[in-house]
Amino acid sequence: MDWLTALFFLFRQNSQLDMLIPRLWPFLHHTSSSVRRSALITLQKLTELDPSVAPLSVNPLQETLRHVFHRALVEHNRDVLSLIPFVWSDLIKSSQLSTLLMAACPLFGTWLCLAMHRPSVPIDPSFLVQVDHFSK
């Protein structure tokens, strides 16, 4: 067994992505754009894996989709903003269909409300992700 196969086996057995990806969430909302950019690049690299190797479960996938959508709405830095479609695409591609449907369907209503929101009106904070940087 080569080292890459061993790594994939380890991901599959321990569901490491379910533990790793939530650790990136606070960095997606960091005040520094370089930290946000690095978090998005890391998230993209983690989600480039084949879904049969290390599938995300429903809750981490749902929260990750919420965080990335939130970042797409409020990001002002062009470099960071340009990464978001690639991260979103990799999240969708790396997810199993059943998991993706269970994670995304409950969020569609909120996403549609946010997408249709007028720019001149403040966004209701209950629609956005509440970030607690010091939860542990």
Protein backbone atom coordinates (compact mmCIF):
# COMPACT_ATOMS: atom_id res chain seq x y z
CA MET A 1 0.00 0.00 0.00
CA ASP A 2 1.51 3.31 -1.04
CA TRP A 3 1.40 6.37 1.23
CA LEU A 4 -1.42 8.08 -0.70
CA THR A 5 -3.67 5.05 -0.39
CA ALA A 6 -2.83 4.87 3.30
CA LEU A 7 -3.76 8.53 3.72
CA PHE A 8 -7.10 8.01 1.94
CA PHE A 9 -7.77 4.95 4.11
CA LEU A 10 -7.06 7.03 7.22
CA PHE A 11 -9.49 9.75 6.06
CA ARG A 12 -12.18 7.18 5.36
CA GLN A 13 -11.78 5.40 8.68
CA ASN A 14 -11.63 8.42 10.96
CA SER A 15 -13.75 10.93 9.04
CA GLN A 16 -11.02 13.50 9.57
CA LEU A 17 -12.68 16.11 7.36
CA ASP A 18 -15.59 16.32 9.78
CA MET A 19 -13.08 17.40 12.44
CA LEU A 20 -10.72 19.48 10.29
CA ILE A 21 -13.10 21.66 8.31
CA PRO A 22 -14.97 23.14 11.31
CA ARG A 23 -11.63 24.41 12.60
CA LEU A 24 -11.43 26.65 9.52
CA TRP A 25 -14.78 28.38 10.08
CA PRO A 26 -13.54 31.15 12.42
CA PHE A 27 -10.75 31.98 9.96
CA LEU A 28 -13.31 32.57 7.19
CA HIS A 29 -14.50 35.58 9.22
CA HIS A 30 -11.10 36.89 10.32
CA THR A 31 -10.43 40.62 10.04
CA SER A 32 -7.35 40.03 7.88
CA SER A 33 -8.08 39.30 4.22
CA SER A 34 -4.91 37.20 3.92
CA VAL A 35 -6.15 34.91 6.70
CA ARG A 36 -9.57 34.61 5.01
CA ARG A 37 -7.85 33.86 1.70
CA SER A 38 -5.65 31.19 3.30
CA ALA A 39 -8.68 29.61 4.98
CA LEU A 40 -10.50 29.43 1.65
CA ILE A 41 -7.48 27.93 -0.10
CA THR A 42 -7.14 25.34 2.66
CA LEU A 43 -10.84 24.53 2.45
CA GLN A 44 -10.53 24.15 -1.31
CA LYS A 45 -7.59 21.77 -0.97
CA LEU A 46 -9.42 19.66 1.62
CA THR A 47 -12.53 19.40 -0.54
CA GLU A 48 -10.68 18.42 -3.73
CA LEU A 49 -10.75 14.83 -2.51
CA ASP A 50 -13.04 12.30 -4.11
CA PRO A 51 -16.26 11.99 -2.04
CA SER A 52 -15.87 8.23 -1.84
CA VAL A 53 -12.57 8.77 -0.03
CA ALA A 54 -13.54 11.21 2.71
CA PRO A 55 -17.16 12.31 2.51
CA LEU A 56 -18.34 15.10 4.75
CA SER A 57 -21.33 14.33 6.90
CA VAL A 58 -24.45 16.49 6.79
CA ASN A 59 -23.83 18.92 9.67
CA PRO A 60 -20.25 19.94 8.79
CA LEU A 61 -21.22 20.29 5.13
CA GLN A 62 -24.27 22.41 5.96
CA GLU A 63 -22.30 24.74 8.24
CA THR A 64 -19.48 25.02 5.73
CA LEU A 65 -21.92 25.96 2.97
CA ARG A 66 -23.43 28.59 5.28
CA HIS A 67 -20.02 30.07 6.08
CA VAL A 68 -18.93 30.18 2.43
CA PHE A 69 -22.24 31.74 1.33
CA HIS A 70 -21.93 34.33 4.12
CA ARG A 71 -18.39 35.11 3.00
CA ALA A 72 -19.64 35.54 -0.60
CA LEU A 73 -22.18 38.11 0.57
CA VAL A 74 -19.98 40.24 2.79
CA GLU A 75 -16.49 39.91 1.29
CA HIS A 76 -15.02 43.11 -0.12
CA ASN A 77 -11.51 41.93 -1.11
CA ARG A 78 -11.38 40.92 -4.79
CA ASP A 79 -8.70 38.25 -4.28
CA VAL A 80 -10.73 36.52 -1.59
CA LEU A 81 -13.98 36.98 -3.48
CA SER A 82 -12.50 35.36 -6.60
CA LEU A 83 -11.75 32.16 -4.64
CA ILE A 84 -15.28 31.66 -3.37
CA PRO A 85 -16.81 30.17 -6.58
CA PHE A 86 -14.00 27.62 -6.75
CA VAL A 87 -14.41 26.65 -3.10
CA TRP A 88 -18.19 26.43 -3.52
CA SER A 89 -17.78 24.27 -6.62
CA ASP A 90 -15.32 21.94 -4.88
CA LEU A 91 -17.65 21.61 -1.89
CA ILE A 92 -20.50 20.61 -4.19
CA LYS A 93 -18.38 18.24 -6.30
CA SER A 94 -16.80 16.55 -3.28
CA SER A 95 -20.13 15.84 -1.61
CA GLN A 96 -22.28 12.81 -2.05
CA LEU A 97 -25.67 13.73 -3.52
CA SER A 98 -27.75 12.50 -0.58
CA THR A 99 -25.57 14.38 1.91
CA LEU A 100 -25.63 17.52 -0.22
CA LEU A 101 -29.42 17.47 -0.48
CA MET A 102 -29.88 17.03 3.27
CA ALA A 103 -27.36 19.80 3.97
CA ALA A 104 -28.43 22.37 1.38
CA CYS A 105 -32.22 22.06 1.07
CA PRO A 106 -33.00 23.57 4.50
CA LEU A 107 -30.85 26.59 3.60
CA PHE A 108 -32.37 27.45 0.20
CA GLY A 109 -35.06 29.74 1.64
CA THR A 110 -32.54 31.80 3.58
CA TRP A 111 -30.15 31.91 0.62
CA LEU A 112 -32.91 33.15 -1.69
CA CYS A 113 -33.92 35.86 0.79
CA LEU A 114 -30.31 36.98 1.07
CA ALA A 115 -29.74 36.87 -2.69
CA MET A 116 -32.82 39.04 -3.31
CA HIS A 117 -31.95 41.47 -0.54
CA ARG A 118 -31.73 45.12 -1.55
CA PRO A 119 -28.23 46.55 -1.08
CA SER A 120 -29.55 49.72 0.59
CA VAL A 121 -31.24 47.82 3.43
CA PRO A 122 -29.17 46.29 6.27
CA ILE A 123 -29.13 42.49 6.36
CA ASP A 124 -31.01 40.94 9.25
CA PRO A 125 -28.28 39.39 11.46
CA SER A 126 -30.42 36.30 12.10
CA PHE A 127 -29.87 35.33 8.44
CA LEU A 128 -26.08 35.43 8.79
CA VAL A 129 -23.69 33.05 10.51
CA GLN A 130 -23.04 33.97 14.13
CA VAL A 131 -19.30 33.60 14.65
CA ASP A 132 -17.88 32.98 18.10
CA HIS A 133 -14.11 33.25 17.78
CA PHE A 134 -13.48 32.26 21.38
CA SER A 135 -15.80 29.28 21.78
CA LYS A 136 -13.12 27.01 23.26
